[in-house]
Amino acid sequence: MRVHQIVPRLDAGDAVSNQALAIHRLVTEWGFESRIYANGMDEFGKRHASYDYAYKEFLREKDDLLIYHYSIYCGNYQYYLDSESHKVLIYHNITPPEFYERFYPEAANLCRLGRELLPRLAECDLALGDSDFNRRELVAAGFPEERTGVLPINPPLHKLDGVEEDEELGRSLSDGKTNLLFVGRVVPNKRVEDIVKLFYCYHRGVNAHSRLVVAGSLLNTYYSALLSLARRMGVADRVFFLGKVSDGALKACYRRSHYYVSMSEHEGFCVPLLEAFHFGLPVLAYAAGAVPETMGKAGMLFHDKDYPLLAELLDRLGRDAFLRERILEAQRARLEHFGADRFERALRAALGDKLGLEKAVEEAVAG
């Protein structure tokens, strides 16, 4: 049995790409032939994947397994529909289009098409969400509940440990100011404007020796609106948009920051929360989408965006060492839920028990 995976793109640092690569490594270790196909890819992706049209020659292979990663509308869904292999869909969620309509109509259209297509993808052996939040969306879209499950993301949290920190950025962030951090694409569903509003309250009302650091790719129209907001609030000189950063710069951001803040209103999982846990940053996050599920009982979740109150909470964390350590201890414990061993067991259970391929998986693992 060969294992094929199709993704929309395979790019360095992308969460969907990382999961596809984690699955590829495991099934290869188990002895299966494994291949990844993508509609687009960066230089990193070209070292690990083929273009999706190469999958055509395997469409009629009934004994093979096709895993289709669904995170945005992409034309390669047709290969999934046409395939005669065992089929598994992994749903990473698609942002509701209304978040993008004002700033990025093209992305809004792709999100709309992606959500409209989802019910047509229900003819599969198994459909997995990387959170139960995503799994429930599959059921709501018409996937039979008994053929759904959860395969949590296995983020490569230790990857940055071996990376050399960007020294220049590290020095600039180590000047005595308190750093609030957000990591992720700077897009409307992340509600970065609400982080700016919280920072305004914290900077003006609590700690004038502070800055906000935002690390992630920028959507120009939305980015312009954020800059305008920061200027109107008088904090533009303390809000730093770094754009997409290298691994070394990302490590510097995590190591030199003091708090991680998320105001996102739609998440299918949210890997940066776990990265912040890993680097020992207390996390303050709005309880939306899969964020509560990802965080479990760790970090600090809030349901109301009361910016002055949240600013005071950050101040208390800075002064109350006991509270801070309790939060960090819970975050460290939560990370154990996303370890490599658990991911491997979950994948084996999905492919073996749920998909009915117990014998093939057992024989491969046994060598």
Protein backbone atom coordinates (compact mmCIF):
# COMPACT_ATOMS: atom_id res chain seq x y z
CA MET A 1 0.00 0.00 0.00
CA ARG A 2 1.29 3.44 -0.94
CA VAL A 3 0.32 6.52 1.05
CA HIS A 4 -0.31 9.68 -0.98
CA GLN A 5 -0.98 13.12 0.48
CA ILE A 6 -2.33 16.09 -1.45
CA VAL A 7 -2.07 19.62 -0.04
CA PRO A 8 -2.89 23.02 -1.56
CA ARG A 9 0.67 24.23 -0.93
CA LEU A 10 3.80 22.87 0.72
CA ASP A 11 5.73 25.73 2.31
CA ALA A 12 8.30 26.09 5.07
CA GLY A 13 6.77 26.87 8.45
CA ASP A 14 3.18 26.33 7.35
CA ALA A 15 1.05 24.34 9.83
CA VAL A 16 -0.70 22.22 7.18
CA SER A 17 2.63 21.49 5.50
CA ASN A 18 4.17 20.53 8.84
CA GLN A 19 1.40 18.03 9.51
CA ALA A 20 1.72 16.50 6.05
CA LEU A 21 5.46 16.12 6.60
CA ALA A 22 4.93 14.60 10.06
CA ILE A 23 2.57 12.00 8.57
CA HIS A 24 5.03 11.36 5.74
CA ARG A 25 7.87 10.71 8.19
CA LEU A 26 5.80 8.31 10.28
CA VAL A 27 4.34 6.21 7.48
CA THR A 28 7.80 6.03 5.90
CA GLU A 29 9.21 4.77 9.21
CA TRP A 30 6.43 2.17 9.25
CA GLY A 31 7.63 0.91 5.88
CA PHE A 32 5.06 2.41 3.51
CA GLU A 33 5.97 4.17 0.30
CA SER A 34 4.90 7.76 0.85
CA ARG A 35 4.53 10.76 -1.46
CA ILE A 36 3.32 14.35 -1.09
CA TYR A 37 1.75 16.39 -3.90
CA ALA A 38 1.01 20.12 -3.91
CA ASN A 39 -0.57 22.66 -6.22
CA GLY A 40 2.09 25.18 -5.25
CA MET A 41 5.27 25.20 -3.19
CA ASP A 42 8.24 27.30 -2.14
CA GLU A 43 11.87 26.19 -2.44
CA PHE A 44 11.51 24.16 0.74
CA GLY A 45 8.42 22.44 -0.64
CA LYS A 46 10.19 21.53 -3.87
CA ARG A 47 12.56 19.35 -1.85
CA HIS A 48 9.71 17.35 -0.36
CA ALA A 49 6.81 17.26 -2.82
CA SER A 50 5.79 16.79 -6.43
CA TYR A 51 3.25 18.90 -8.28
CA ASP A 52 -0.25 17.53 -7.83
CA TYR A 53 -0.76 16.48 -11.46
CA ALA A 54 1.78 13.70 -10.82
CA TYR A 55 -0.88 11.93 -8.74
CA LYS A 56 -2.96 11.21 -11.86
CA GLU A 57 -1.17 7.92 -12.51
CA PHE A 58 -2.37 6.56 -9.14
CA LEU A 59 -6.08 7.45 -9.43
CA ARG A 60 -7.13 3.82 -10.06
CA GLU A 61 -4.96 2.21 -7.37
CA LYS A 62 -7.64 0.72 -5.11
CA ASP A 63 -5.20 -0.57 -2.48
CA ASP A 64 -3.46 2.77 -1.97
CA LEU A 65 -4.38 5.42 0.59
CA LEU A 66 -5.00 9.06 -0.32
CA ILE A 67 -4.94 11.69 2.43
CA TYR A 68 -6.36 15.02 1.29
CA HIS A 69 -5.57 18.09 3.40
CA TYR A 70 -8.37 20.63 3.07
CA SER A 71 -7.71 24.18 4.23
CA ILE A 72 -8.69 26.38 1.25
CA TYR A 73 -10.41 25.98 -2.09
CA CYS A 74 -7.94 24.47 -4.55
CA GLY A 75 -8.53 22.79 -7.89
CA ASN A 76 -6.70 19.64 -6.85
CA TYR A 77 -9.84 18.54 -4.97
CA GLN A 78 -10.84 16.87 -8.24
CA TYR A 79 -8.07 14.29 -7.80
CA TYR A 80 -9.59 13.47 -4.42
CA LEU A 81 -13.06 13.05 -5.92
CA ASP A 82 -11.78 10.94 -8.82
CA SER A 83 -9.49 8.69 -6.76
CA GLU A 84 -10.48 5.04 -6.32
CA SER A 85 -8.10 4.56 -3.38
CA HIS A 86 -8.99 4.49 0.31
CA LYS A 87 -9.64 8.15 1.11
CA VAL A 88 -9.03 10.20 4.24
CA LEU A 89 -9.84 13.90 4.43
CA ILE A 90 -8.07 16.04 7.02
CA TYR A 91 -9.95 19.28 7.59
CA HIS A 92 -7.87 22.20 8.86
CA ASN A 93 -10.85 24.58 8.67
CA ILE A 94 -11.52 27.45 6.27
CA THR A 95 -11.95 31.01 7.49
CA PRO A 96 -15.53 32.30 7.05
CA PRO A 97 -15.46 34.63 4.02
CA GLU A 98 -16.98 37.61 5.80
CA PHE A 99 -13.69 38.24 7.60
CA TYR A 100 -11.99 38.98 4.27
CA GLU A 101 -14.68 40.77 2.28
CA ARG A 102 -13.63 44.31 3.21
CA PHE A 103 -9.87 43.91 2.77
CA TYR A 104 -9.33 41.01 0.37
CA PRO A 105 -12.32 40.09 -1.86
CA GLU A 106 -10.29 37.46 -3.75
CA ALA A 107 -9.53 35.57 -0.53
CA ALA A 108 -13.15 35.94 0.56
CA ASN A 109 -14.23 34.26 -2.67
CA LEU A 110 -11.79 31.36 -2.17
CA CYS A 111 -13.05 30.88 1.38
CA ARG A 112 -16.65 30.95 0.18
CA LEU A 113 -15.94 28.40 -2.55
CA GLY A 114 -14.06 26.22 -0.07
CA ARG A 115 -16.90 26.15 2.42
CA GLU A 116 -19.47 25.52 -0.31
CA LEU A 117 -17.43 22.59 -1.63
CA LEU A 118 -16.98 20.87 1.74
CA PRO A 119 -20.24 18.82 1.64
CA ARG A 120 -19.21 17.37 -1.74
CA LEU A 121 -16.10 15.89 -0.14
CA ALA A 122 -18.06 13.73 2.32
CA GLU A 123 -17.68 10.53 0.27
CA CYS A 124 -14.59 9.22 2.01
CA ASP A 125 -13.60 6.40 4.32
CA LEU A 126 -12.67 8.74 7.15
CA ALA A 127 -12.72 12.49 7.81
CA LEU A 128 -10.47 13.95 10.49
CA GLY A 129 -10.33 17.39 12.04
CA ASP A 130 -7.17 18.58 13.74
CA SER A 131 -9.47 19.72 16.55
CA ASP A 132 -12.92 18.65 17.68
CA PHE A 133 -14.07 22.11 16.64
CA ASN A 134 -13.12 21.19 13.07
CA ARG A 135 -14.62 17.71 13.39
CA ARG A 136 -17.98 19.21 14.40
CA GLU A 137 -17.90 21.41 11.31
CA LEU A 138 -17.46 18.27 9.21
CA VAL A 139 -20.55 16.71 10.80
CA ALA A 140 -22.51 19.93 10.24
CA ALA A 141 -21.47 19.81 6.56
CA GLY A 142 -22.97 16.32 6.16
CA PHE A 143 -20.10 13.95 6.97
CA PRO A 144 -21.40 10.87 8.84
CA GLU A 145 -20.36 11.34 12.46
CA GLU A 146 -19.29 7.72 12.88
CA ARG A 147 -16.71 8.26 10.13
CA THR A 148 -15.17 11.36 11.69
CA GLY A 149 -12.39 11.72 14.24
CA VAL A 150 -9.67 14.02 15.55
CA LEU A 151 -5.99 13.98 14.62
CA PRO A 152 -4.36 16.81 16.59
CA ILE A 153 -1.54 18.71 14.95
CA ASN A 154 1.94 17.67 16.05
CA PRO A 155 3.77 21.01 15.88
CA PRO A 156 7.58 20.80 15.60
CA LEU A 157 8.05 22.81 18.78
CA HIS A 158 11.66 21.78 19.33
CA LYS A 159 12.70 22.80 15.83
CA LEU A 160 13.47 26.35 16.96
CA ASP A 161 15.59 25.10 19.88
CA GLY A 162 18.39 24.20 17.49
CA VAL A 163 18.15 27.42 15.49
CA GLU A 164 20.58 30.28 16.09
CA GLU A 165 18.72 33.30 17.37
CA ASP A 166 18.76 36.48 15.28
CA GLU A 167 21.23 38.45 17.41
CA GLU A 168 20.37 41.90 16.08
CA LEU A 169 16.65 41.47 16.67
CA GLY A 170 17.31 39.84 20.03
CA ARG A 171 19.37 42.84 21.14
CA SER A 172 16.76 45.34 19.98
CA LEU A 173 14.07 43.51 21.96
CA SER A 174 16.24 43.32 25.10
CA ASP A 175 16.41 47.02 25.92
CA GLY A 176 14.36 46.83 29.11
CA LYS A 177 10.94 47.37 27.56
CA THR A 178 8.11 44.90 28.14
CA ASN A 179 7.28 43.11 24.90
CA LEU A 180 3.79 41.92 23.98
CA LEU A 181 3.91 39.42 21.12
CA PHE A 182 1.59 38.11 18.43
CA VAL A 183 2.71 35.55 15.84
CA GLY A 184 0.68 34.64 12.77
CA ARG A 185 -0.57 35.89 9.45
CA VAL A 186 -1.73 39.48 9.79
CA VAL A 187 -5.22 38.90 8.41
CA PRO A 188 -8.66 40.14 9.51
CA ASN A 189 -9.87 37.06 11.42
CA LYS A 190 -6.85 37.44 13.74
CA ARG A 191 -8.28 40.80 14.90
CA VAL A 192 -4.87 42.40 15.23
CA GLU A 193 -6.64 45.75 15.61
CA ASP A 194 -7.96 44.50 18.95
CA ILE A 195 -4.41 43.66 20.04
CA VAL A 196 -3.41 47.23 19.15
CA LYS A 197 -6.31 48.52 21.29
CA LEU A 198 -5.23 46.37 24.23
CA PHE A 199 -1.65 47.53 23.80
CA TYR A 200 -2.82 51.16 23.81
CA CYS A 201 -4.50 50.60 27.20
CA TYR A 202 -1.47 48.77 28.57
CA HIS A 203 1.08 51.28 27.25
CA ARG A 204 -0.83 54.43 28.24
CA GLY A 205 -2.42 53.21 31.45
CA VAL A 206 -0.05 50.64 32.94
CA ASN A 207 3.44 50.49 31.46
CA ALA A 208 4.86 53.22 29.25
CA HIS A 209 8.05 51.19 28.77
CA SER A 210 6.45 48.64 26.48
CA ARG A 211 6.12 47.68 22.84
CA LEU A 212 3.95 45.42 20.68
CA VAL A 213 5.69 43.00 18.31
CA VAL A 214 3.73 41.40 15.45
CA ALA A 215 5.52 38.67 13.48
CA GLY A 216 3.79 37.26 10.41
CA SER A 217 3.08 37.83 6.73
CA LEU A 218 1.20 41.04 5.97
CA LEU A 219 -1.96 41.62 3.94
CA ASN A 220 -1.34 45.11 2.52
CA THR A 221 -4.81 46.64 2.78
CA TYR A 222 -5.37 45.31 6.29
CA TYR A 223 -1.83 46.25 7.32
CA SER A 224 -2.43 49.82 6.16
CA ALA A 225 -5.58 50.00 8.27
CA LEU A 226 -3.65 48.75 11.31
CA LEU A 227 -0.92 51.35 10.82
CA SER A 228 -3.56 54.05 10.56
CA LEU A 229 -5.17 52.84 13.80
CA ALA A 230 -1.83 52.82 15.64
CA ARG A 231 -1.13 56.37 14.44
CA ARG A 232 -4.55 57.61 15.57
CA MET A 233 -4.01 56.06 18.99
CA GLY A 234 -0.55 57.58 19.30
CA VAL A 235 1.34 54.29 19.62
CA ALA A 236 2.68 53.85 16.07
CA ASP A 237 6.26 54.25 17.31
CA ARG A 238 5.77 51.35 19.75
CA VAL A 239 4.03 48.88 17.42
CA PHE A 240 6.41 46.84 15.26
CA PHE A 241 5.18 44.79 12.29
CA LEU A 242 8.05 42.51 11.30
CA GLY A 243 6.37 40.72 8.40
CA LYS A 244 7.24 37.09 7.71
CA VAL A 245 10.37 36.30 9.70
CA SER A 246 13.16 33.73 9.61
CA ASP A 247 13.31 30.95 12.19
CA GLY A 248 16.12 32.82 13.92
CA ALA A 249 14.04 35.99 14.16
CA LEU A 250 11.00 34.03 15.33
CA LYS A 251 13.09 32.49 18.09
CA ALA A 252 14.26 35.96 19.14
CA CYS A 253 10.64 37.15 19.28
CA TYR A 254 9.60 34.31 21.56
CA ARG A 255 12.71 34.39 23.77
CA ARG A 256 12.73 38.17 24.25
CA SER A 257 9.00 38.75 24.76
CA HIS A 258 7.13 38.77 28.05
CA TYR A 259 3.52 38.00 27.08
CA TYR A 260 1.72 36.42 24.15
CA VAL A 261 -1.65 37.90 23.17
CA SER A 262 -4.30 36.52 20.79
CA MET A 263 -7.56 38.25 19.87
CA SER A 264 -8.40 35.93 16.97
CA GLU A 265 -12.08 35.27 16.32
CA HIS A 266 -11.63 32.20 14.14
CA GLU A 267 -9.07 29.43 14.62
CA GLY A 268 -9.14 25.79 13.61
CA PHE A 269 -6.23 25.01 15.95
CA CYS A 270 -3.63 27.84 16.46
CA VAL A 271 -0.07 26.51 16.66
CA PRO A 272 1.54 29.80 17.92
CA LEU A 273 -0.27 29.33 21.24
CA LEU A 274 1.70 26.12 21.78
CA GLU A 275 4.91 27.77 20.59
CA ALA A 276 4.39 30.46 23.23
CA PHE A 277 3.80 27.73 25.84
CA HIS A 278 7.05 26.09 24.76
CA PHE A 279 9.05 29.30 25.18
CA GLY A 280 7.53 30.10 28.57
CA LEU A 281 5.38 33.11 27.67
CA PRO A 282 2.15 33.56 29.62
CA VAL A 283 -0.65 33.44 27.04
CA LEU A 284 -3.69 35.71 27.08
CA ALA A 285 -6.20 34.58 24.43
CA TYR A 286 -9.74 35.32 23.33
CA ALA A 287 -11.88 32.19 23.63
CA ALA A 288 -13.01 31.72 20.03
CA GLY A 289 -13.05 28.78 17.62
CA ALA A 290 -10.65 26.00 18.62
CA VAL A 291 -8.57 28.23 20.92
CA PRO A 292 -10.13 26.91 24.18
CA GLU A 293 -9.64 23.34 22.96
CA THR A 294 -6.01 23.96 22.02
CA MET A 295 -5.21 25.62 25.34
CA GLY A 296 -7.17 23.24 27.55
CA LYS A 297 -6.99 24.54 31.11
CA ALA A 298 -3.72 26.36 30.49
CA GLY A 299 -3.03 30.02 29.82
CA MET A 300 -5.63 32.72 30.39
CA LEU A 301 -8.79 32.65 28.31
CA PHE A 302 -11.22 35.56 28.23
CA HIS A 303 -14.67 35.99 26.68
CA ASP A 304 -15.03 39.79 26.77
CA LYS A 305 -12.63 42.19 25.12
CA ASP A 306 -12.45 44.59 28.03
CA TYR A 307 -9.14 46.22 27.12
CA PRO A 308 -8.50 48.22 30.34
CA LEU A 309 -9.25 45.13 32.44
CA LEU A 310 -6.98 42.94 30.32
CA ALA A 311 -4.22 45.54 30.59
CA GLU A 312 -4.52 45.38 34.38
CA LEU A 313 -4.33 41.58 34.21
CA LEU A 314 -1.06 41.81 32.29
CA ASP A 315 0.22 44.21 34.92
CA ARG A 316 -0.68 41.78 37.70
CA LEU A 317 1.17 39.00 35.89
CA GLY A 318 4.23 41.20 35.88
CA ARG A 319 4.02 41.78 39.63
CA ASP A 320 2.69 38.44 40.93
CA ALA A 321 5.44 35.86 40.49
CA PHE A 322 3.35 33.09 42.09
CA LEU A 323 0.45 33.58 39.68
CA ARG A 324 2.79 33.77 36.73
CA GLU A 325 4.51 30.50 37.68
CA ARG A 326 1.18 28.70 38.15
CA ILE A 327 0.16 29.74 34.65
CA LEU A 328 3.48 28.66 33.16
CA GLU A 329 3.30 25.32 34.97
CA ALA A 330 -0.15 24.62 33.50
CA GLN A 331 1.10 25.58 30.04
CA ARG A 332 4.05 23.20 30.31
CA ALA A 333 1.71 20.40 31.34
CA ARG A 334 -0.59 21.12 28.41
CA LEU A 335 2.26 20.65 25.93
CA GLU A 336 2.44 16.97 26.86
CA HIS A 337 -0.92 16.48 25.14
CA PHE A 338 0.69 17.31 21.78
CA GLY A 339 3.79 15.14 21.95
CA ALA A 340 5.10 13.04 19.08
CA ASP A 341 4.16 9.76 20.79
CA ARG A 342 0.52 10.78 21.13
CA PHE A 343 0.43 11.90 17.52
CA GLU A 344 1.82 8.57 16.34
CA ARG A 345 -0.72 6.62 18.39
CA ALA A 346 -3.56 8.78 17.07
CA LEU A 347 -2.42 8.31 13.48
CA ARG A 348 -2.08 4.55 13.89
CA ALA A 349 -5.55 4.38 15.42
CA ALA A 350 -7.01 6.45 12.60
CA LEU A 351 -5.45 4.44 9.79
CA GLY A 352 -5.77 1.10 11.53
CA ASP A 353 -8.85 0.95 13.74
CA LYS A 354 -11.05 3.56 12.10
CA LEU A 355 -10.08 3.03 8.48
CA GLY A 356 -10.03 -0.74 8.70
CA LEU A 357 -6.39 -1.08 7.66
CA GLU A 358 -5.24 -2.72 10.89
CA LYS A 359 -3.39 -5.54 9.17
CA ALA A 360 -1.52 -3.30 6.73
CA VAL A 361 -0.47 -0.90 9.48
CA GLU A 362 0.54 -3.66 11.89
CA GLU A 363 2.59 -5.46 9.24
CA ALA A 364 4.33 -2.24 8.23
CA VAL A 365 5.14 -1.25 11.81
CA ALA A 366 6.39 -4.75 12.58
CA GLY A 367 8.65 -4.57 9.53
